[in-house]
Structures are given as structure tokens and as C-alpha cells.
Amino acid sequence: MKLLTYKCTDVALQRVNNEPRLGFIYNNQVIDMQDFGDISNFPLPNDMLELIDMGFEIIAEITEMIAETPENFFEEIAYEMNEVTILAPIEKPRKNIIGIGLNYTEHVAESARTLDTTGKLPTKPIIFSKPPTTVTATNTEIIKNTKLTSQLDWECELAVIISKKGKYVPKSEALDYVFGYTIINDISARDCRREGQWIVSKGQDTFAPMGPYLVTKDEIENPHNLNLSLTVNGVEKQNSNTKFLLFNINDLIEDLSTVFTLEAGDIIATGTPAGVGAGRNPQEWMYDGDVVEATVEGIGTIVNTIKEI
């Protein structure tokens, strides 16, 4: 199931206050989740985190209800894609996004050439975080604060959404703790690294474009065989596959849940492949008006424009 958070763009269709709403894609239309619950006599939430809190099992129940619902019922609660604005799937995460650094072999090598890394393959996942205020949606601006950085870089990543509380999760059970997947562009200001600390580099406002959808795990046959790519102004910069992850999703969930408790709604950005601007010769950065597009197979594409301030 492709889940999304949205607002109506058509004033005539807007509800009171036009608050963000939870929906899902059906027949290339947006179906409001709460409205679908109403016509099904099965109360459903209007918020992505509230849905995740219900547990992954709710997805099978909703899928069954969809199959049993007459087509004409959907007409009353459906919106065309051009009638909505897609927001980040989880607009306000409860906690920092968990980031994983240097998790593709070739990215380790390119980082060692130009950044303060050793070039050695990590023996354990390298963990950092991005504040909730980094989150922005597709078709929004990424703010480049020129007082802080002149080296704005891109990183296309598969992100994992956790479904339930977990501590000391073994690899063999790790995917049982996954709710679904989305895309994150881990925007990085390379000249803002401080003595090996990355949060200033990666934690600025709008530095985590996310979306366009949260795709539930039952829709992704193998998360470890997904193509991912990124373009800047239409020119391809990254093109790889999640099968090249150094630490796969099972490894990451086992390691992270050993360090701290994972909870429903937690977001793990699994790392980026080679092709970042810092690793190029000469190095490449993003500037005012540049358009960056990050794509992951089975999920979609997020598109953002750089805005210098």
C-alpha cells in the first residue's frame, strides 16, 4: 500500500483549517484514510504515526476492506492527484532521524579522497542523526544558508520506518519490525563538519526531503534489491542498488536496537551510494535554482529546488 500525507489544493475541496490528512493511493487517486474508515464502519486515523501505532497488522485489514468495497463508494472520498499537495509522509517525527554513514563500499572510497574519513570499511554501522526540523516534502525548497555553507551536497537513500518497539532484535527477526519504506535525500553541507561531528553538516532545516510515499513492506518484495538514483538538473549523479549496502537492514536493526530502543515511527536512513558531489573531481555542489531528484525503485521520486538565503 502506498500511504501519503496530503493537503487539498483546491479551495472548494478543503476542509476546516485544511489540516494535513492521511491517505492511500488507489486507482491513481488519493483516498482519504479517515473517510474510508467511515464508509467501512471501521474507525481509522488521520495521521501517519497514529496508523503506524496500530501495528503492521492493520495494513492487511485495510487491504481486505478495500477489496470488499464497491467501486462507486470510492468515488465519494477520492481526490485526483492534481487536487492534492503531497507532504512528507511523517511531517513531524517524534525523534531524530537515524542516519547511517559510509554504508556503500564505493562511497567509503570516494569519501576518503575528499572528506575526513579513513577509507577503511567500517566494522560496525556509523550512526548519526538529523533533527525532526530537517524534514521537508517533495516539491519544496531546500534552504541553503550561505552564511553557513558553500558546499551543499546530495545523498539519495532508502529509509526504513519502524513498526513497533524493539530492543536487542536479532537479525533473523529484524524485518518483523519494519512498517515500510520511503526515500530520504540526506542533504549535507560538507564544510560544516566539526571535528568529525556531522549533525551541523546534516541537521540544518530542510536537509531531509522525504517521500513521496510511505510504501508498506508487503509491497516491496526485497528491500535489498532496489535501484536508487539521483539527478541534479536532469544529469545523473548516483545510480546503484541496495544490494550493495555494507550493513543491510537486518544488520542495522540488530545493531541499533542493541544501542537504544527502537520505537514505532522511528526512521532509519540507510546510507548513500557513490556519486556524491564531494567525491567528484572536481567537486560539485548545489546552487540556487538547482533541481535535485532522488528515486528509489518501487517508491517513487522526490523533487526539490535549492533556495539560497
Protein backbone atom coordinates (compact mmCIF):
# COMPACT_ATOMS: atom_id res chain seq x y z
CA MET A 1 0.00 0.00 0.00
CA LYS A 2 1.24 3.48 -0.86
CA LEU A 3 0.42 5.77 2.04
CA LEU A 4 0.74 9.54 1.95
CA THR A 5 0.17 12.67 3.96
CA TYR A 6 -1.56 15.36 1.92
CA LYS A 7 -3.49 18.62 1.79
CA CYS A 8 -6.14 19.63 -0.72
CA THR A 9 -5.00 22.29 -3.17
CA ASP A 10 -8.48 23.05 -4.49
CA VAL A 11 -10.11 25.58 -2.13
CA ALA A 12 -13.55 24.15 -2.86
CA LEU A 13 -12.43 20.75 -1.56
CA GLN A 14 -10.62 21.96 1.54
CA ARG A 15 -11.89 21.05 4.98
CA VAL A 16 -11.87 23.31 8.03
CA ASN A 17 -8.31 24.62 8.61
CA ASN A 18 -7.10 22.42 5.72
CA GLU A 19 -5.03 20.33 8.12
CA PRO A 20 -2.73 17.58 6.79
CA ARG A 21 -4.58 14.32 6.21
CA LEU A 22 -3.66 10.66 5.81
CA GLY A 23 -4.50 8.87 2.59
CA PHE A 24 -3.58 6.00 0.32
CA ILE A 25 -3.25 5.58 -3.43
CA TYR A 26 -5.96 3.56 -5.16
CA ASN A 27 -6.52 3.51 -8.94
CA ASN A 28 -4.18 6.50 -9.29
CA GLN A 29 -6.34 8.56 -6.94
CA VAL A 30 -5.89 9.64 -3.33
CA ILE A 31 -8.36 8.03 -0.92
CA ASP A 32 -8.74 9.73 2.44
CA MET A 33 -7.99 7.17 5.16
CA GLN A 34 -10.37 8.51 7.77
CA ASP A 35 -13.20 8.83 5.23
CA PHE A 36 -12.54 5.27 4.09
CA GLY A 37 -12.84 4.13 7.69
CA ASP A 38 -16.16 5.96 7.96
CA ILE A 39 -17.72 4.25 4.93
CA SER A 40 -16.35 0.91 6.14
CA ASN A 41 -17.67 1.34 9.69
CA PHE A 42 -14.13 0.79 10.91
CA PRO A 43 -12.52 3.82 12.61
CA LEU A 44 -9.18 4.72 11.02
CA PRO A 45 -6.78 7.50 11.99
CA ASN A 46 -5.96 10.70 10.14
CA ASP A 47 -2.26 10.70 10.95
CA MET A 48 0.59 8.51 9.72
CA LEU A 49 2.14 7.95 13.15
CA GLU A 50 -1.24 7.00 14.61
CA LEU A 51 -1.65 4.42 11.86
CA ILE A 52 1.83 3.01 12.50
CA ASP A 53 1.00 2.79 16.20
CA MET A 54 -1.85 0.41 15.32
CA GLY A 55 0.76 -2.13 14.19
CA PHE A 56 1.58 -3.52 10.78
CA GLU A 57 -1.33 -5.96 11.06
CA ILE A 58 -3.73 -3.09 10.34
CA ILE A 59 -2.47 -2.97 6.73
CA ALA A 60 -3.84 -6.45 5.99
CA GLU A 61 -7.20 -5.45 7.47
CA ILE A 62 -7.36 -2.26 5.39
CA THR A 63 -6.36 -4.18 2.26
CA GLU A 64 -9.15 -6.66 2.85
CA MET A 65 -11.66 -3.85 3.36
CA ILE A 66 -10.56 -2.21 0.11
CA ALA A 67 -11.15 -5.47 -1.77
CA GLU A 68 -14.65 -5.72 -0.29
CA THR A 69 -15.66 -2.10 -1.00
CA PRO A 70 -17.76 -1.41 -4.12
CA GLU A 71 -16.00 0.83 -6.63
CA ASN A 72 -18.71 3.50 -6.52
CA PHE A 73 -18.08 4.02 -2.79
CA PHE A 74 -14.57 5.28 -3.56
CA GLU A 75 -15.88 8.00 -5.86
CA GLU A 76 -17.25 9.97 -2.92
CA ILE A 77 -13.94 10.05 -1.00
CA ALA A 78 -11.39 10.16 -3.82
CA TYR A 79 -9.23 13.06 -4.96
CA GLU A 80 -7.37 13.35 -8.24
CA MET A 81 -3.61 13.66 -7.89
CA ASN A 82 -3.72 17.25 -9.17
CA GLU A 83 -6.18 18.16 -6.39
CA VAL A 84 -3.72 17.47 -3.57
CA THR A 85 -0.32 18.61 -2.36
CA ILE A 86 1.83 15.72 -1.18
CA LEU A 87 3.51 16.39 2.17
CA ALA A 88 6.29 14.40 3.84
CA PRO A 89 4.84 11.01 4.93
CA ILE A 90 5.85 11.73 8.53
CA GLU A 91 5.85 15.52 8.74
CA LYS A 92 6.95 15.73 12.35
CA PRO A 93 8.92 12.68 13.50
CA ARG A 94 8.79 12.10 17.24
CA LYS A 95 12.56 11.72 17.38
CA ASN A 96 15.63 12.48 15.31
CA ILE A 97 16.03 10.57 12.06
CA ILE A 98 18.70 7.90 12.48
CA GLY A 99 21.34 8.26 9.77
CA ILE A 100 23.90 5.67 8.67
CA GLY A 101 27.19 6.90 7.24
CA LEU A 102 29.61 5.19 4.85
CA ASN A 103 27.34 2.21 4.15
CA TYR A 104 28.26 1.53 0.49
CA THR A 105 31.79 0.38 -0.39
CA GLU A 106 32.39 2.85 -3.21
CA HIS A 107 31.07 5.74 -1.12
CA VAL A 108 33.61 4.84 1.58
CA ALA A 109 36.38 5.18 -1.02
CA GLU A 110 35.18 8.47 -2.51
CA SER A 111 34.69 9.99 0.96
CA ALA A 112 38.25 9.14 1.95
CA ARG A 113 39.58 11.09 -1.03
CA THR A 114 37.99 14.39 -0.04
CA LEU A 115 36.47 14.21 3.46
CA ASP A 116 37.80 13.49 6.94
CA THR A 117 37.35 9.70 6.74
CA THR A 118 39.98 6.95 6.68
CA GLY A 119 38.88 4.87 3.70
CA LYS A 120 38.68 1.74 5.82
CA LEU A 121 35.45 -0.22 5.62
CA PRO A 122 33.51 0.24 8.88
CA THR A 123 33.32 -2.83 11.11
CA LYS A 124 30.13 -1.52 12.71
CA PRO A 125 27.50 0.91 11.40
CA ILE A 126 28.41 4.60 11.67
CA ILE A 127 25.44 6.32 13.29
CA PHE A 128 24.43 9.99 13.26
CA SER A 129 21.11 11.81 13.46
CA LYS A 130 19.06 14.54 11.83
CA PRO A 131 16.56 16.63 13.85
CA PRO A 132 12.84 16.46 13.00
CA THR A 133 13.08 20.00 11.62
CA THR A 134 15.17 18.69 8.71
CA VAL A 135 12.07 17.07 7.22
CA THR A 136 10.51 18.60 4.13
CA ALA A 137 8.34 17.23 1.33
CA THR A 138 8.76 16.68 -2.37
CA ASN A 139 8.25 19.81 -4.49
CA THR A 140 9.57 22.09 -1.76
CA GLU A 141 12.72 24.17 -1.40
CA ILE A 142 15.91 23.01 0.26
CA ILE A 143 17.30 26.03 2.12
CA LYS A 144 20.98 26.70 1.53
CA ASN A 145 22.10 29.11 4.22
CA THR A 146 25.05 30.87 2.59
CA LYS A 147 26.19 32.14 6.00
CA LEU A 148 26.89 28.53 6.92
CA THR A 149 27.80 26.67 3.73
CA SER A 150 29.04 26.95 0.19
CA GLN A 151 29.30 23.16 -0.25
CA LEU A 152 25.77 21.77 -0.45
CA ASP A 153 25.69 18.10 -1.41
CA TRP A 154 23.15 15.36 -2.18
CA GLU A 155 22.68 11.78 -0.92
CA CYS A 156 19.87 9.53 -2.20
CA GLU A 157 18.86 6.94 0.41
CA LEU A 158 16.32 4.23 1.15
CA ALA A 159 14.70 4.93 4.51
CA VAL A 160 13.11 2.35 6.80
CA ILE A 161 10.11 3.07 9.02
CA ILE A 162 9.94 1.01 12.23
CA SER A 163 6.61 -0.62 13.13
CA LYS A 164 6.94 -1.49 16.83
CA LYS A 165 9.11 -1.22 19.91
CA GLY A 166 12.22 -3.36 19.78
CA LYS A 167 15.29 -3.95 21.91
CA TYR A 168 18.04 -6.50 21.16
CA VAL A 169 16.31 -7.52 17.94
CA PRO A 170 18.12 -10.43 16.23
CA LYS A 171 18.86 -10.18 12.51
CA SER A 172 16.55 -13.09 11.80
CA GLU A 173 13.57 -11.16 13.16
CA ALA A 174 14.56 -7.65 12.06
CA LEU A 175 12.15 -7.27 9.16
CA ASP A 176 9.26 -8.08 11.51
CA TYR A 177 9.96 -4.64 12.99
CA VAL A 178 9.63 -2.81 9.67
CA PHE A 179 6.42 -0.99 8.75
CA GLY A 180 7.52 0.27 5.36
CA TYR A 181 9.93 2.31 3.29
CA THR A 182 10.35 5.80 1.90
CA ILE A 183 13.02 7.98 0.26
CA ILE A 184 15.26 10.48 2.04
CA ASN A 185 17.70 12.83 0.34
CA ASP A 186 20.31 13.23 3.09
CA ILE A 187 21.35 16.79 2.22
CA SER A 188 24.81 17.57 3.58
CA ALA A 189 26.80 20.79 4.00
CA ARG A 190 30.29 19.39 3.62
CA ASP A 191 32.05 22.47 5.03
CA CYS A 192 30.03 22.31 8.27
CA ARG A 193 31.64 19.19 9.70
CA ARG A 194 33.07 19.90 13.14
CA GLU A 195 35.94 17.71 14.30
CA GLY A 196 34.26 14.61 12.96
CA GLN A 197 30.78 15.59 14.18
CA TRP A 198 28.17 15.54 11.39
CA ILE A 199 24.99 16.99 12.89
CA VAL A 200 25.73 20.58 11.81
CA SER A 201 26.53 19.31 8.33
CA LYS A 202 23.40 17.19 8.06
CA GLY A 203 20.98 18.68 10.59
CA GLN A 204 20.03 22.04 9.10
CA ASP A 205 16.40 22.88 8.36
CA THR A 206 15.03 21.17 5.20
CA PHE A 207 18.04 18.82 4.96
CA ALA A 208 15.86 15.68 4.88
CA PRO A 209 13.48 15.80 1.93
CA MET A 210 11.27 12.73 2.39
CA GLY A 211 8.59 10.92 0.42
CA PRO A 212 6.67 10.98 -1.75
CA TYR A 213 5.01 7.95 -0.17
CA LEU A 214 5.46 5.51 2.66
CA VAL A 215 5.24 2.13 0.92
CA THR A 216 4.27 -0.69 3.27
CA LYS A 217 6.71 -3.58 3.43
CA ASP A 218 4.31 -6.07 1.83
CA GLU A 219 4.62 -4.07 -1.43
CA ILE A 220 8.42 -4.38 -1.52
CA GLU A 221 9.43 -7.93 -2.44
CA ASN A 222 13.09 -7.48 -1.50
CA PRO A 223 14.34 -4.23 0.07
CA HIS A 224 17.88 -5.43 -0.58
CA ASN A 225 17.47 -5.32 -4.35
CA LEU A 226 16.13 -1.86 -5.14
CA ASN A 227 17.64 0.50 -7.69
CA LEU A 228 18.24 4.01 -6.42
CA SER A 229 19.39 7.04 -8.39
CA LEU A 230 19.70 10.80 -8.24
CA THR A 231 19.92 13.61 -10.77
CA VAL A 232 20.80 17.30 -10.49
CA ASN A 233 19.27 19.47 -13.21
CA GLY A 234 18.50 16.30 -15.13
CA VAL A 235 22.09 14.98 -15.06
CA GLU A 236 22.53 11.62 -13.36
CA LYS A 237 24.87 11.73 -10.35
CA GLN A 238 24.07 8.50 -8.48
CA ASN A 239 22.92 5.10 -9.72
CA SER A 240 23.22 1.98 -7.59
CA ASN A 241 21.27 -0.76 -5.83
CA THR A 242 20.55 -1.55 -2.18
CA LYS A 243 22.16 -4.97 -2.65
CA PHE A 244 25.48 -3.13 -2.22
CA LEU A 245 24.72 -1.99 1.34
CA LEU A 246 27.62 -2.86 3.65
CA PHE A 247 25.21 -3.31 6.55
CA ASN A 248 21.79 -4.33 5.33
CA ILE A 249 18.50 -3.53 7.04
CA ASN A 250 18.67 -6.65 9.22
CA ASP A 251 22.19 -5.72 10.35
CA LEU A 252 21.17 -2.14 11.10
CA ILE A 253 18.10 -3.01 13.14
CA GLU A 254 20.06 -5.56 15.18
CA ASP A 255 22.87 -3.08 15.86
CA LEU A 256 20.69 -0.03 16.52
CA SER A 257 18.32 -1.91 18.83
CA THR A 258 21.34 -3.05 20.82
CA VAL A 259 22.43 0.56 21.28
CA PHE A 260 19.00 2.03 22.03
CA THR A 261 15.34 1.02 21.95
CA LEU A 262 13.65 1.37 18.58
CA GLU A 263 10.05 2.55 18.61
CA ALA A 264 7.11 2.71 16.22
CA GLY A 265 7.59 5.55 13.75
CA ASP A 266 11.38 5.68 14.05
CA ILE A 267 13.07 6.45 10.74
CA ILE A 268 16.39 4.94 9.60
CA ALA A 269 18.13 6.44 6.55
CA THR A 270 20.26 3.52 5.41
CA GLY A 271 23.11 5.37 3.68
CA THR A 272 24.00 6.58 0.21
CA PRO A 273 25.97 5.03 -2.65
CA ALA A 274 28.83 6.60 -4.59
CA GLY A 275 28.34 9.68 -6.72
CA VAL A 276 28.04 12.47 -4.17
CA GLY A 277 29.36 15.89 -5.13
CA ALA A 278 32.18 15.84 -2.58
CA GLY A 279 33.62 12.70 -4.15
CA ARG A 280 33.84 14.10 -7.68
CA ASN A 281 36.87 15.57 -9.40
CA PRO A 282 36.42 18.47 -9.48
CA GLN A 283 33.95 18.57 -6.63
CA GLU A 284 30.38 19.59 -7.42
CA TRP A 285 27.90 21.45 -5.23
CA MET A 286 24.29 22.60 -5.49
CA TYR A 287 23.37 26.25 -6.02
CA ASP A 288 20.32 28.49 -6.08
CA GLY A 289 17.71 27.16 -8.50
CA ASP A 290 19.24 23.71 -8.92
CA VAL A 291 16.69 20.89 -9.07
CA VAL A 292 17.59 17.60 -7.38
CA GLU A 293 15.57 14.41 -7.92
CA ALA A 294 16.02 11.26 -5.83
CA THR A 295 14.42 8.00 -6.94
CA VAL A 296 14.07 4.58 -5.31
CA GLU A 297 12.51 1.68 -7.19
CA GLY A 298 9.04 0.79 -6.00
CA ILE A 299 8.62 4.02 -4.02
CA GLY A 300 8.84 6.94 -6.43
CA THR A 301 10.77 10.19 -6.82
CA ILE A 302 11.17 13.27 -4.66
CA VAL A 303 11.96 16.56 -6.39
CA ASN A 304 13.36 19.63 -4.64
CA THR A 305 14.76 23.01 -5.62
CA ILE A 306 17.69 24.75 -3.92
CA LYS A 307 16.94 28.16 -2.40
CA GLU A 308 19.88 30.26 -1.24
CA ILE A 309 19.36 32.69 1.62
